[in-house]
Amino acid sequence: MIGVAGGTGNGRTEGHDPMDVERLLWRLADKYAPAPPARSSTVRPEWFDHAGDLVVVNGRVTWETPSHTEGGFTHGLPAGSHPVYVGSHATIPDAWNPDAFRYSVSMVVIPLAEPARIEAAKWGTDGYDDIHMIEDFAVLWAEEALYPGHHFDDDHVPDFLHRARDDIAARGRHHRRAGWVEALLDRDTGANAFVFPVDSENVTGFEIVDDDENLLCLVLRTYD
């Protein structure tokens, strides 16, 4: 099952055939989360959905669990609004209760160029050179997104993450497209964050660049 919407960010994927975007997403899954019998530490997505657009003002982007991720890795994205596609899968945490399934996100894709340019570019394979740990919920945001108006608890968890967790729990993680939260962090700039449920312990990232090292696409994936 596939639920891919057309890209909308920066005008660079807007207007392209959704089928081209869909084909690109599944090619990326084949590369970074291949299906068995290939060996992979990442759960292959069963669906891709357009979660929304990440608004970046001038900071570097990371996918992390605040207070849990230490020394996190970041990626330089240009200022603007970038489409975010999420690859998710269904899991059954309790084998004795198969009705208690839930959806978790294992891939995040942020294309910055048209699909044809991304497909023709060099696809990075290095990933991170150290662990980048996550737990239960991972936040996709830019470093500048958290402004003084937001508060932290004693464990240095921002208040919006507590609200997002409660919201996801109230709706239930068994609704795929309602299984994540977009949080507006600054009304003046539109800077925002996405909170995604995860069931792996680490994140790694891959940058797809052109011959001049310009970033064309960012791929983030969870793994154990």
N, C-alpha and C. Protein backbone atom coordinates (compact mmCIF):
# COMPACT_ATOMS: atom_id res chain seq x y z
N MET A 1 0.84 -1.19 0.00
CA MET A 1 0.00 0.00 0.00
C MET A 1 0.88 1.24 0.00
N ILE A 2 0.51 2.23 -0.79
CA ILE A 2 1.30 3.44 -0.94
C ILE A 2 0.38 4.63 -0.79
N GLY A 3 0.82 5.62 -0.03
CA GLY A 3 0.04 6.84 0.11
C GLY A 3 0.91 8.04 -0.11
N VAL A 4 1.39 8.23 -1.34
CA VAL A 4 2.33 9.30 -1.63
C VAL A 4 1.59 10.47 -2.24
N ALA A 5 1.82 11.65 -1.66
CA ALA A 5 1.27 12.87 -2.23
C ALA A 5 2.37 13.58 -3.01
N GLY A 6 1.99 14.50 -3.89
CA GLY A 6 3.00 15.23 -4.65
C GLY A 6 3.80 16.15 -3.77
N GLY A 7 5.07 16.38 -4.13
CA GLY A 7 5.95 17.23 -3.34
C GLY A 7 5.51 18.67 -3.41
N THR A 8 5.83 19.43 -2.37
CA THR A 8 5.43 20.85 -2.32
C THR A 8 6.52 21.76 -1.83
N GLY A 9 7.68 21.77 -1.81
CA GLY A 9 8.58 22.65 -1.08
C GLY A 9 9.52 23.34 -1.98
N ASN A 10 9.70 24.65 -1.75
CA ASN A 10 10.71 25.43 -2.47
C ASN A 10 10.43 25.51 -3.96
N GLY A 11 9.31 24.97 -4.44
CA GLY A 11 9.04 24.99 -5.86
C GLY A 11 9.86 24.01 -6.65
N ARG A 12 10.72 23.22 -6.00
CA ARG A 12 11.64 22.36 -6.73
C ARG A 12 11.10 20.95 -6.92
N THR A 13 10.15 20.53 -6.12
CA THR A 13 9.46 19.28 -6.41
C THR A 13 7.99 19.54 -6.74
N GLU A 14 7.53 20.75 -6.50
CA GLU A 14 6.14 21.08 -6.81
C GLU A 14 5.91 20.99 -8.30
N GLY A 15 4.78 20.38 -8.68
CA GLY A 15 4.43 20.30 -10.08
C GLY A 15 4.96 19.06 -10.77
N HIS A 16 5.81 18.29 -10.12
CA HIS A 16 6.32 17.07 -10.72
C HIS A 16 5.30 15.95 -10.56
N ASP A 17 5.34 15.03 -11.48
CA ASP A 17 4.42 13.90 -11.46
C ASP A 17 4.58 13.13 -10.15
N PRO A 18 3.48 12.95 -9.38
CA PRO A 18 3.59 12.18 -8.13
C PRO A 18 4.16 10.80 -8.34
N MET A 19 3.95 10.21 -9.52
CA MET A 19 4.50 8.90 -9.80
C MET A 19 6.03 8.94 -9.83
N ASP A 20 6.60 10.06 -10.29
CA ASP A 20 8.05 10.19 -10.29
C ASP A 20 8.58 10.25 -8.85
N VAL A 21 7.86 10.97 -8.01
CA VAL A 21 8.25 11.04 -6.61
C VAL A 21 8.12 9.67 -5.96
N GLU A 22 7.02 8.98 -6.25
CA GLU A 22 6.80 7.66 -5.68
C GLU A 22 7.90 6.69 -6.10
N ARG A 23 8.25 6.72 -7.37
CA ARG A 23 9.30 5.82 -7.86
C ARG A 23 10.63 6.12 -7.17
N LEU A 24 10.93 7.41 -6.99
CA LEU A 24 12.16 7.80 -6.31
C LEU A 24 12.17 7.28 -4.88
N LEU A 25 11.06 7.42 -4.17
CA LEU A 25 11.01 6.98 -2.77
C LEU A 25 11.27 5.48 -2.64
N TRP A 26 10.69 4.70 -3.53
CA TRP A 26 10.89 3.26 -3.44
C TRP A 26 12.29 2.86 -3.89
N ARG A 27 12.88 3.60 -4.81
CA ARG A 27 14.28 3.34 -5.16
C ARG A 27 15.19 3.63 -3.97
N LEU A 28 14.89 4.69 -3.25
CA LEU A 28 15.66 5.01 -2.05
C LEU A 28 15.49 3.92 -1.00
N ALA A 29 14.26 3.41 -0.86
CA ALA A 29 14.05 2.31 0.08
C ALA A 29 14.84 1.08 -0.34
N ASP A 30 14.89 0.80 -1.65
CA ASP A 30 15.67 -0.33 -2.13
C ASP A 30 17.15 -0.17 -1.78
N LYS A 31 17.64 1.06 -1.81
CA LYS A 31 19.05 1.33 -1.54
C LYS A 31 19.34 1.30 -0.04
N TYR A 32 18.53 1.97 0.75
CA TYR A 32 18.86 2.19 2.15
C TYR A 32 18.10 1.31 3.14
N ALA A 33 17.08 0.62 2.66
CA ALA A 33 16.33 -0.31 3.52
C ALA A 33 15.82 -1.46 2.66
N PRO A 34 16.73 -2.24 2.08
CA PRO A 34 16.33 -3.28 1.13
C PRO A 34 15.50 -4.38 1.78
N ALA A 35 14.68 -4.99 0.95
CA ALA A 35 13.83 -6.09 1.42
C ALA A 35 14.64 -7.38 1.50
N PRO A 36 14.21 -8.31 2.34
CA PRO A 36 14.84 -9.63 2.37
C PRO A 36 14.79 -10.26 0.98
N PRO A 37 15.79 -11.07 0.63
CA PRO A 37 16.81 -11.65 1.51
C PRO A 37 18.02 -10.77 1.78
N ALA A 38 18.03 -9.55 1.23
CA ALA A 38 19.14 -8.65 1.53
C ALA A 38 19.18 -8.36 3.02
N ARG A 39 20.36 -8.19 3.55
CA ARG A 39 20.52 -7.89 4.97
C ARG A 39 20.41 -6.39 5.20
N SER A 40 19.60 -6.02 6.18
CA SER A 40 19.43 -4.61 6.50
C SER A 40 19.09 -4.47 7.98
N SER A 41 19.67 -3.48 8.62
CA SER A 41 19.38 -3.19 10.03
C SER A 41 18.20 -2.25 10.17
N THR A 42 17.63 -1.83 9.04
CA THR A 42 16.48 -0.93 9.02
C THR A 42 15.23 -1.69 8.57
N VAL A 43 14.13 -1.49 9.28
CA VAL A 43 12.86 -2.09 8.85
C VAL A 43 12.39 -1.39 7.58
N ARG A 44 12.17 -2.15 6.54
CA ARG A 44 11.76 -1.56 5.27
C ARG A 44 10.35 -0.96 5.40
N PRO A 45 10.16 0.28 4.91
CA PRO A 45 8.82 0.87 4.97
C PRO A 45 7.82 0.08 4.14
N GLU A 46 6.60 0.08 4.61
CA GLU A 46 5.50 -0.50 3.86
C GLU A 46 4.70 0.58 3.14
N TRP A 47 4.81 1.81 3.59
CA TRP A 47 4.11 2.94 3.01
C TRP A 47 5.02 4.17 3.02
N PHE A 48 4.76 5.08 2.10
CA PHE A 48 5.33 6.42 2.15
C PHE A 48 4.19 7.42 2.13
N ASP A 49 4.31 8.45 2.96
CA ASP A 49 3.32 9.52 3.01
C ASP A 49 4.02 10.86 3.04
N HIS A 50 3.36 11.87 2.48
CA HIS A 50 3.85 13.25 2.59
C HIS A 50 3.36 13.80 3.92
N ALA A 51 4.29 13.97 4.87
CA ALA A 51 3.92 14.42 6.21
C ALA A 51 3.63 15.91 6.27
N GLY A 52 4.20 16.68 5.35
CA GLY A 52 4.08 18.13 5.37
C GLY A 52 5.39 18.73 4.91
N ASP A 53 5.58 20.01 5.20
CA ASP A 53 6.79 20.72 4.80
C ASP A 53 7.55 21.20 6.02
N LEU A 54 8.85 20.96 6.03
CA LEU A 54 9.71 21.45 7.10
C LEU A 54 10.22 22.83 6.73
N VAL A 55 9.95 23.80 7.59
CA VAL A 55 10.38 25.18 7.35
C VAL A 55 11.71 25.42 8.05
N VAL A 56 12.72 25.74 7.26
CA VAL A 56 14.07 26.00 7.77
C VAL A 56 14.38 27.46 7.56
N VAL A 57 14.86 28.13 8.61
CA VAL A 57 15.20 29.54 8.51
C VAL A 57 16.68 29.69 8.17
N ASN A 58 17.55 29.23 9.06
CA ASN A 58 18.97 29.32 8.75
C ASN A 58 19.80 28.29 9.52
N GLY A 59 19.15 27.31 10.10
CA GLY A 59 19.89 26.36 10.93
C GLY A 59 20.12 25.03 10.24
N ARG A 60 20.78 24.13 10.93
CA ARG A 60 21.03 22.80 10.43
C ARG A 60 19.97 21.84 10.97
N VAL A 61 19.62 20.85 10.17
CA VAL A 61 18.50 19.96 10.46
C VAL A 61 19.00 18.67 11.10
N THR A 62 18.25 18.19 12.07
CA THR A 62 18.58 16.92 12.71
C THR A 62 17.30 16.16 13.01
N TRP A 63 17.43 14.84 13.18
CA TRP A 63 16.32 13.98 13.60
C TRP A 63 16.78 13.31 14.88
N GLU A 64 16.19 13.69 16.00
CA GLU A 64 16.73 13.29 17.29
C GLU A 64 15.63 13.15 18.32
N THR A 65 15.99 12.56 19.46
CA THR A 65 15.12 12.55 20.63
C THR A 65 15.75 13.48 21.66
N PRO A 66 15.19 14.68 21.83
CA PRO A 66 15.78 15.62 22.80
C PRO A 66 15.93 14.98 24.17
N SER A 67 17.05 15.23 24.78
CA SER A 67 17.45 14.72 26.10
C SER A 67 18.02 13.31 26.01
N HIS A 68 17.82 12.62 24.88
CA HIS A 68 18.32 11.26 24.74
C HIS A 68 19.48 11.18 23.74
N THR A 69 19.39 11.99 22.68
CA THR A 69 20.42 12.01 21.65
C THR A 69 21.55 12.92 22.11
N GLU A 70 22.75 12.38 22.15
CA GLU A 70 23.92 13.18 22.56
C GLU A 70 24.86 13.34 21.37
N GLY A 71 25.36 14.59 21.18
CA GLY A 71 26.29 14.83 20.10
C GLY A 71 25.70 14.50 18.74
N GLY A 72 24.43 14.90 18.55
CA GLY A 72 23.72 14.52 17.34
C GLY A 72 24.32 15.08 16.07
N PHE A 73 24.10 14.36 14.98
CA PHE A 73 24.55 14.79 13.67
C PHE A 73 23.51 15.72 13.04
N THR A 74 23.98 16.66 12.22
CA THR A 74 23.09 17.63 11.58
C THR A 74 23.41 17.72 10.09
N HIS A 75 22.47 18.33 9.35
CA HIS A 75 22.63 18.48 7.91
C HIS A 75 22.26 19.91 7.52
N GLY A 76 23.04 20.50 6.62
CA GLY A 76 22.79 21.86 6.18
C GLY A 76 21.79 21.90 5.04
N LEU A 77 20.58 22.36 5.31
CA LEU A 77 19.57 22.56 4.29
C LEU A 77 19.39 24.04 4.03
N PRO A 78 19.11 24.43 2.78
CA PRO A 78 18.88 25.85 2.51
C PRO A 78 17.62 26.35 3.19
N ALA A 79 17.59 27.65 3.45
CA ALA A 79 16.39 28.23 4.04
C ALA A 79 15.22 28.05 3.08
N GLY A 80 14.07 27.77 3.66
CA GLY A 80 12.88 27.58 2.85
C GLY A 80 11.99 26.48 3.39
N SER A 81 11.02 26.09 2.58
CA SER A 81 10.05 25.07 2.95
C SER A 81 10.33 23.82 2.13
N HIS A 82 10.57 22.71 2.80
CA HIS A 82 11.00 21.49 2.13
C HIS A 82 10.01 20.34 2.40
N PRO A 83 9.61 19.61 1.37
CA PRO A 83 8.67 18.50 1.58
C PRO A 83 9.33 17.37 2.37
N VAL A 84 8.56 16.79 3.27
CA VAL A 84 9.03 15.69 4.10
C VAL A 84 8.17 14.46 3.82
N TYR A 85 8.83 13.40 3.35
CA TYR A 85 8.15 12.13 3.12
C TYR A 85 8.60 11.12 4.17
N VAL A 86 7.65 10.39 4.72
CA VAL A 86 7.98 9.43 5.77
C VAL A 86 7.61 8.03 5.32
N GLY A 87 8.54 7.11 5.57
CA GLY A 87 8.28 5.70 5.31
C GLY A 87 7.96 5.02 6.62
N SER A 88 6.82 4.37 6.70
CA SER A 88 6.38 3.76 7.96
C SER A 88 6.07 2.29 7.76
N HIS A 89 5.96 1.59 8.87
CA HIS A 89 5.64 0.17 8.86
C HIS A 89 4.80 -0.16 10.08
N ALA A 90 4.07 -1.24 9.99
CA ALA A 90 3.23 -1.68 11.11
C ALA A 90 4.01 -2.67 11.96
N THR A 91 3.87 -2.56 13.26
CA THR A 91 4.52 -3.49 14.18
C THR A 91 3.49 -4.00 15.19
N ILE A 92 3.76 -5.17 15.73
CA ILE A 92 2.91 -5.74 16.78
C ILE A 92 3.81 -5.94 18.00
N PRO A 93 3.84 -4.98 18.93
CA PRO A 93 4.74 -5.09 20.08
C PRO A 93 4.40 -6.22 21.03
N ASP A 94 3.14 -6.66 21.03
CA ASP A 94 2.70 -7.73 21.93
C ASP A 94 2.18 -8.89 21.09
N ALA A 95 2.97 -9.96 21.01
CA ALA A 95 2.57 -11.10 20.18
C ALA A 95 1.28 -11.75 20.66
N TRP A 96 0.93 -11.56 21.93
CA TRP A 96 -0.29 -12.15 22.48
C TRP A 96 -1.52 -11.30 22.18
N ASN A 97 -1.29 -10.09 21.64
CA ASN A 97 -2.40 -9.20 21.35
C ASN A 97 -2.20 -8.58 19.97
N PRO A 98 -2.47 -9.34 18.91
CA PRO A 98 -2.21 -8.85 17.56
C PRO A 98 -3.02 -7.63 17.18
N ASP A 99 -4.10 -7.34 17.91
CA ASP A 99 -4.90 -6.16 17.62
C ASP A 99 -4.22 -4.88 18.11
N ALA A 100 -3.16 -5.01 18.87
CA ALA A 100 -2.47 -3.84 19.43
C ALA A 100 -1.36 -3.36 18.52
N PHE A 101 -1.52 -3.53 17.20
CA PHE A 101 -0.48 -3.10 16.28
C PHE A 101 -0.39 -1.58 16.28
N ARG A 102 0.74 -1.08 15.82
CA ARG A 102 0.95 0.35 15.73
C ARG A 102 1.87 0.64 14.56
N TYR A 103 1.91 1.90 14.15
CA TYR A 103 2.77 2.32 13.05
C TYR A 103 3.98 3.07 13.59
N SER A 104 5.12 2.78 13.00
CA SER A 104 6.35 3.48 13.35
C SER A 104 7.04 3.94 12.08
N VAL A 105 7.81 5.01 12.19
CA VAL A 105 8.52 5.57 11.05
C VAL A 105 9.95 5.05 11.04
N SER A 106 10.41 4.58 9.88
CA SER A 106 11.78 4.09 9.77
C SER A 106 12.60 4.84 8.74
N MET A 107 11.97 5.67 7.89
CA MET A 107 12.69 6.48 6.92
C MET A 107 12.07 7.86 6.80
N VAL A 108 12.92 8.85 6.63
CA VAL A 108 12.49 10.22 6.33
C VAL A 108 13.28 10.67 5.10
N VAL A 109 12.58 11.18 4.10
CA VAL A 109 13.21 11.64 2.87
C VAL A 109 12.83 13.10 2.63
N ILE A 110 13.83 13.94 2.41
CA ILE A 110 13.60 15.36 2.12
C ILE A 110 14.25 15.67 0.78
N PRO A 111 13.48 15.66 -0.32
CA PRO A 111 14.06 15.99 -1.62
C PRO A 111 14.18 17.50 -1.81
N LEU A 112 15.30 17.92 -2.35
CA LEU A 112 15.55 19.34 -2.59
C LEU A 112 15.63 19.66 -4.08
N ALA A 113 15.42 18.67 -4.91
CA ALA A 113 15.49 18.84 -6.36
C ALA A 113 14.48 17.90 -7.01
N GLU A 114 14.33 18.01 -8.32
CA GLU A 114 13.39 17.16 -9.01
C GLU A 114 13.89 15.71 -9.00
N PRO A 115 12.97 14.76 -9.05
CA PRO A 115 13.35 13.34 -8.94
C PRO A 115 14.42 12.90 -9.94
N ALA A 116 14.34 13.39 -11.17
CA ALA A 116 15.31 12.94 -12.19
C ALA A 116 16.73 13.34 -11.80
N ARG A 117 16.91 14.54 -11.27
CA ARG A 117 18.26 14.97 -10.85
C ARG A 117 18.76 14.12 -9.69
N ILE A 118 17.87 13.79 -8.77
CA ILE A 118 18.26 12.98 -7.61
C ILE A 118 18.64 11.58 -8.07
N GLU A 119 17.85 11.00 -8.96
CA GLU A 119 18.13 9.65 -9.42
C GLU A 119 19.46 9.57 -10.15
N ALA A 120 19.86 10.64 -10.84
CA ALA A 120 21.09 10.64 -11.62
C ALA A 120 22.32 10.99 -10.79
N ALA A 121 22.13 11.38 -9.54
CA ALA A 121 23.24 11.86 -8.72
C ALA A 121 23.93 10.71 -7.99
N LYS A 122 24.99 11.06 -7.29
CA LYS A 122 25.73 10.09 -6.48
C LYS A 122 25.00 9.90 -5.16
N TRP A 123 24.67 8.66 -4.84
CA TRP A 123 23.95 8.35 -3.62
C TRP A 123 24.95 7.95 -2.54
N GLY A 124 25.02 8.75 -1.50
CA GLY A 124 25.98 8.50 -0.44
C GLY A 124 25.69 7.20 0.31
N THR A 125 26.76 6.57 0.78
CA THR A 125 26.63 5.31 1.51
C THR A 125 27.36 5.34 2.85
N ASP A 126 27.97 6.46 3.20
CA ASP A 126 28.80 6.51 4.40
C ASP A 126 27.98 6.55 5.69
N GLY A 127 26.89 7.31 5.70
CA GLY A 127 26.12 7.44 6.94
C GLY A 127 26.92 8.15 8.01
N TYR A 128 26.46 8.03 9.26
CA TYR A 128 27.15 8.66 10.38
C TYR A 128 28.30 7.77 10.84
N ASP A 129 29.34 8.39 11.38
CA ASP A 129 30.49 7.62 11.84
C ASP A 129 30.44 7.33 13.33
N ASP A 130 29.28 7.55 13.94
CA ASP A 130 29.10 7.27 15.36
C ASP A 130 27.61 7.06 15.60
N ILE A 131 27.26 6.64 16.82
CA ILE A 131 25.85 6.40 17.12
C ILE A 131 25.11 7.72 17.29
N HIS A 132 23.84 7.71 16.97
CA HIS A 132 22.94 8.86 17.09
C HIS A 132 21.64 8.28 17.62
N MET A 133 21.56 8.16 18.95
CA MET A 133 20.50 7.38 19.58
C MET A 133 19.17 8.12 19.65
N ILE A 134 18.09 7.34 19.49
CA ILE A 134 16.73 7.86 19.62
C ILE A 134 15.95 6.91 20.52
N GLU A 135 14.75 7.38 20.94
CA GLU A 135 13.93 6.55 21.82
C GLU A 135 12.47 6.95 21.71
N ASP A 136 11.62 6.04 21.23
CA ASP A 136 10.16 6.18 21.21
C ASP A 136 9.65 7.24 20.24
N PHE A 137 10.13 8.47 20.36
CA PHE A 137 9.70 9.55 19.48
C PHE A 137 10.94 10.35 19.05
N ALA A 138 11.02 10.64 17.75
CA ALA A 138 12.16 11.39 17.23
C ALA A 138 11.64 12.67 16.56
N VAL A 139 12.33 13.78 16.83
CA VAL A 139 11.92 15.10 16.37
C VAL A 139 12.77 15.51 15.17
N LEU A 140 12.12 15.84 14.07
CA LEU A 140 12.78 16.39 12.90
C LEU A 140 12.62 17.90 12.95
N TRP A 141 13.75 18.61 13.05
CA TRP A 141 13.68 20.07 13.17
C TRP A 141 15.04 20.68 12.86
N ALA A 142 15.04 21.99 12.71
CA ALA A 142 16.27 22.73 12.50
C ALA A 142 16.75 23.27 13.84
N GLU A 143 18.04 23.44 13.95
CA GLU A 143 18.63 23.84 15.23
C GLU A 143 18.08 25.17 15.74
N GLU A 144 17.73 26.07 14.82
CA GLU A 144 17.27 27.38 15.28
C GLU A 144 15.80 27.38 15.65
N ALA A 145 15.12 26.23 15.48
CA ALA A 145 13.66 26.22 15.60
C ALA A 145 13.18 26.43 17.02
N LEU A 146 13.98 26.09 18.03
CA LEU A 146 13.51 26.22 19.40
C LEU A 146 13.83 27.60 19.93
N TYR A 147 12.81 28.39 20.15
CA TYR A 147 12.99 29.77 20.58
C TYR A 147 12.77 29.91 22.08
N PRO A 148 13.19 31.04 22.66
CA PRO A 148 13.08 31.20 24.12
C PRO A 148 11.68 31.03 24.67
N GLY A 149 10.66 31.18 23.84
CA GLY A 149 9.29 31.04 24.33
C GLY A 149 8.92 29.61 24.68
N HIS A 150 9.76 28.66 24.31
CA HIS A 150 9.48 27.26 24.63
C HIS A 150 10.24 26.86 25.89
N HIS A 151 9.64 25.99 26.65
CA HIS A 151 10.19 25.63 27.95
C HIS A 151 10.64 24.17 27.96
N PHE A 152 11.55 23.89 28.87
CA PHE A 152 12.08 22.54 29.04
C PHE A 152 11.74 22.04 30.44
N ASP A 153 11.60 20.71 30.55
CA ASP A 153 11.45 20.15 31.88
C ASP A 153 12.83 19.85 32.46
N ASP A 154 12.86 19.20 33.62
CA ASP A 154 14.13 18.94 34.29
C ASP A 154 15.04 18.00 33.48
N ASP A 155 14.45 17.22 32.57
CA ASP A 155 15.24 16.32 31.73
C ASP A 155 15.60 16.95 30.39
N HIS A 156 15.36 18.26 30.26
CA HIS A 156 15.67 19.02 29.05
C HIS A 156 14.83 18.56 27.85
N VAL A 157 13.59 18.18 28.13
CA VAL A 157 12.64 17.83 27.07
C VAL A 157 11.76 19.05 26.81
N PRO A 158 11.66 19.53 25.56
CA PRO A 158 10.84 20.72 25.28
C PRO A 158 9.36 20.44 25.47
N ASP A 159 8.63 21.49 25.85
CA ASP A 159 7.22 21.31 26.17
C ASP A 159 6.41 20.80 24.99
N PHE A 160 6.75 21.22 23.77
CA PHE A 160 5.95 20.77 22.63
C PHE A 160 6.06 19.26 22.42
N LEU A 161 7.19 18.67 22.81
CA LEU A 161 7.33 17.22 22.65
C LEU A 161 6.40 16.48 23.61
N HIS A 162 6.25 16.98 24.82
CA HIS A 162 5.29 16.38 25.76
C HIS A 162 3.88 16.43 25.17
N ARG A 163 3.50 17.59 24.60
CA ARG A 163 2.17 17.72 24.02
C ARG A 163 1.99 16.78 22.84
N ALA A 164 3.03 16.66 22.02
CA ALA A 164 2.96 15.79 20.84
C ALA A 164 2.79 14.33 21.26
N ARG A 165 3.54 13.91 22.26
CA ARG A 165 3.41 12.53 22.75
C ARG A 165 1.99 12.27 23.23
N ASP A 166 1.43 13.21 23.99
CA ASP A 166 0.08 13.05 24.51
C ASP A 166 -0.94 13.00 23.37
N ASP A 167 -0.72 13.84 22.36
CA ASP A 167 -1.63 13.90 21.22
C ASP A 167 -1.62 12.58 20.46
N ILE A 168 -0.42 12.05 20.20
CA ILE A 168 -0.31 10.78 19.48
C ILE A 168 -0.93 9.64 20.28
N ALA A 169 -0.69 9.65 21.60
CA ALA A 169 -1.26 8.62 22.46
C ALA A 169 -2.78 8.68 22.47
N ALA A 170 -3.33 9.90 22.47
CA ALA A 170 -4.78 10.06 22.51
C ALA A 170 -5.43 9.57 21.22
N ARG A 171 -4.77 9.81 20.09
CA ARG A 171 -5.32 9.38 18.81
C ARG A 171 -5.08 7.90 18.56
N GLY A 172 -4.00 7.38 19.16
CA GLY A 172 -3.64 5.99 18.95
C GLY A 172 -2.68 5.84 17.79
N ARG A 173 -1.62 5.07 18.00
CA ARG A 173 -0.62 4.90 16.97
C ARG A 173 -1.04 3.90 15.90
N HIS A 174 -2.30 3.44 15.96
CA HIS A 174 -2.78 2.52 14.94
C HIS A 174 -3.39 3.26 13.76
N HIS A 175 -3.33 4.61 13.76
CA HIS A 175 -3.76 5.41 12.62
C HIS A 175 -2.51 5.93 11.93
N ARG A 176 -2.22 5.43 10.73
CA ARG A 176 -0.93 5.72 10.12
C ARG A 176 -0.72 7.20 9.86
N ARG A 177 -1.62 7.83 9.14
CA ARG A 177 -1.40 9.22 8.75
C ARG A 177 -1.67 10.19 9.90
N ALA A 178 -2.24 9.70 10.98
CA ALA A 178 -2.44 10.54 12.16
C ALA A 178 -1.45 10.16 13.25
N GLY A 179 -0.42 9.41 12.88
CA GLY A 179 0.52 8.88 13.86
C GLY A 179 1.68 9.78 14.17
N TRP A 180 1.69 11.00 13.61
CA TRP A 180 2.76 11.93 13.92
C TRP A 180 2.16 13.32 14.12
N VAL A 181 2.98 14.23 14.60
CA VAL A 181 2.52 15.58 14.93
C VAL A 181 3.45 16.60 14.30
N GLU A 182 2.87 17.62 13.69
CA GLU A 182 3.63 18.79 13.24
C GLU A 182 3.42 19.91 14.25
N ALA A 183 4.50 20.46 14.78
CA ALA A 183 4.41 21.51 15.79
C ALA A 183 4.96 22.82 15.22
N LEU A 184 4.16 23.87 15.29
CA LEU A 184 4.62 25.20 14.89
C LEU A 184 5.40 25.80 16.05
N LEU A 185 6.66 26.15 15.81
CA LEU A 185 7.52 26.63 16.88
C LEU A 185 7.73 28.13 16.87
N ASP A 186 7.53 28.77 15.73
CA ASP A 186 7.70 30.21 15.66
C ASP A 186 6.72 30.77 14.63
N ARG A 187 5.76 31.55 15.09
CA ARG A 187 4.73 32.06 14.19
C ARG A 187 5.27 33.08 13.21
N ASP A 188 6.30 33.81 13.59
CA ASP A 188 6.83 34.85 12.71
C ASP A 188 7.54 34.26 11.50
N THR A 189 8.30 33.20 11.69
CA THR A 189 9.06 32.62 10.59
C THR A 189 8.42 31.37 10.02
N GLY A 190 7.49 30.75 10.77
CA GLY A 190 6.90 29.50 10.34
C GLY A 190 7.74 28.29 10.68
N ALA A 191 8.87 28.47 11.39
CA ALA A 191 9.73 27.35 11.76
C ALA A 191 8.91 26.30 12.52
N ASN A 192 9.11 25.05 12.17
CA ASN A 192 8.29 23.99 12.73
C ASN A 192 9.12 22.76 13.03
N ALA A 193 8.46 21.73 13.53
CA ALA A 193 9.11 20.46 13.84
C ALA A 193 8.09 19.35 13.61
N PHE A 194 8.59 18.15 13.30
CA PHE A 194 7.74 16.97 13.19
C PHE A 194 8.17 15.96 14.24
N VAL A 195 7.19 15.39 14.93
CA VAL A 195 7.44 14.36 15.93
C VAL A 195 6.92 13.05 15.39
N PHE A 196 7.84 12.09 15.19
CA PHE A 196 7.49 10.80 14.61
C PHE A 196 7.70 9.68 15.61
N PRO A 197 6.77 8.74 15.72
CA PRO A 197 6.99 7.55 16.56
C PRO A 197 8.00 6.63 15.89
N VAL A 198 8.91 6.10 16.67
CA VAL A 198 9.95 5.20 16.16
C VAL A 198 10.05 3.99 17.08
N ASP A 199 10.56 2.89 16.55
CA ASP A 199 10.75 1.71 17.39
C ASP A 199 12.15 1.13 17.26
N SER A 200 13.08 1.93 16.74
CA SER A 200 14.49 1.55 16.69
C SER A 200 15.29 2.43 17.64
N GLU A 201 16.57 2.13 17.77
CA GLU A 201 17.39 2.79 18.78
C GLU A 201 18.37 3.81 18.21
N ASN A 202 18.55 3.84 16.89
CA ASN A 202 19.53 4.74 16.31
C ASN A 202 19.02 5.33 15.00
N VAL A 203 19.64 6.45 14.61
CA VAL A 203 19.38 7.10 13.33
C VAL A 203 20.70 7.28 12.60
N THR A 204 20.67 7.13 11.29
CA THR A 204 21.80 7.53 10.46
C THR A 204 21.26 8.30 9.27
N GLY A 205 22.14 9.05 8.61
CA GLY A 205 21.69 9.90 7.51
C GLY A 205 22.62 9.82 6.31
N PHE A 206 22.04 10.05 5.13
CA PHE A 206 22.78 9.99 3.88
C PHE A 206 22.44 11.22 3.04
N GLU A 207 23.46 11.85 2.48
CA GLU A 207 23.26 13.02 1.64
C GLU A 207 23.52 12.65 0.18
N ILE A 208 22.56 12.94 -0.67
CA ILE A 208 22.71 12.73 -2.10
C ILE A 208 23.07 14.07 -2.72
N VAL A 209 24.21 14.13 -3.39
CA VAL A 209 24.73 15.41 -3.89
C VAL A 209 25.01 15.31 -5.39
N ASP A 210 25.14 16.48 -6.03
CA ASP A 210 25.52 16.51 -7.44
C ASP A 210 27.04 16.61 -7.57
N ASP A 211 27.53 16.79 -8.78
CA ASP A 211 28.98 16.83 -9.01
C ASP A 211 29.66 18.00 -8.32
N ASP A 212 28.89 19.03 -8.00
CA ASP A 212 29.45 20.20 -7.30
C ASP A 212 29.21 20.14 -5.81
N GLU A 213 28.80 18.96 -5.31
CA GLU A 213 28.55 18.74 -3.89
C GLU A 213 27.35 19.52 -3.36
N ASN A 214 26.46 19.93 -4.24
CA ASN A 214 25.21 20.56 -3.80
C ASN A 214 24.25 19.47 -3.33
N LEU A 215 23.64 19.68 -2.17
CA LEU A 215 22.73 18.70 -1.61
C LEU A 215 21.44 18.66 -2.41
N LEU A 216 21.09 17.47 -2.90
CA LEU A 216 19.87 17.28 -3.67
C LEU A 216 18.79 16.56 -2.89
N CYS A 217 19.19 15.72 -1.93
CA CYS A 217 18.21 14.95 -1.19
C CYS A 217 18.84 14.47 0.11
N LEU A 218 18.07 14.50 1.17
CA LEU A 218 18.51 13.99 2.47
C LEU A 218 17.67 12.77 2.82
N VAL A 219 18.35 11.69 3.17
CA VAL A 219 17.69 10.44 3.56
C VAL A 219 18.11 10.09 4.98
N LEU A 220 17.15 9.95 5.86
CA LEU A 220 17.40 9.56 7.24
C LEU A 220 16.69 8.24 7.49
N ARG A 221 17.35 7.35 8.21
CA ARG A 221 16.71 6.06 8.50
C ARG A 221 17.07 5.58 9.91
N THR A 222 16.15 4.86 10.50
CA THR A 222 16.40 4.28 11.81
C THR A 222 17.02 2.90 11.64
N TYR A 223 17.67 2.43 12.69
CA TYR A 223 18.24 1.07 12.63
C TYR A 223 18.53 0.58 14.04
N ASP A 224 18.69 -0.73 14.15
CA ASP A 224 19.08 -1.36 15.41
C ASP A 224 20.40 -2.09 15.24
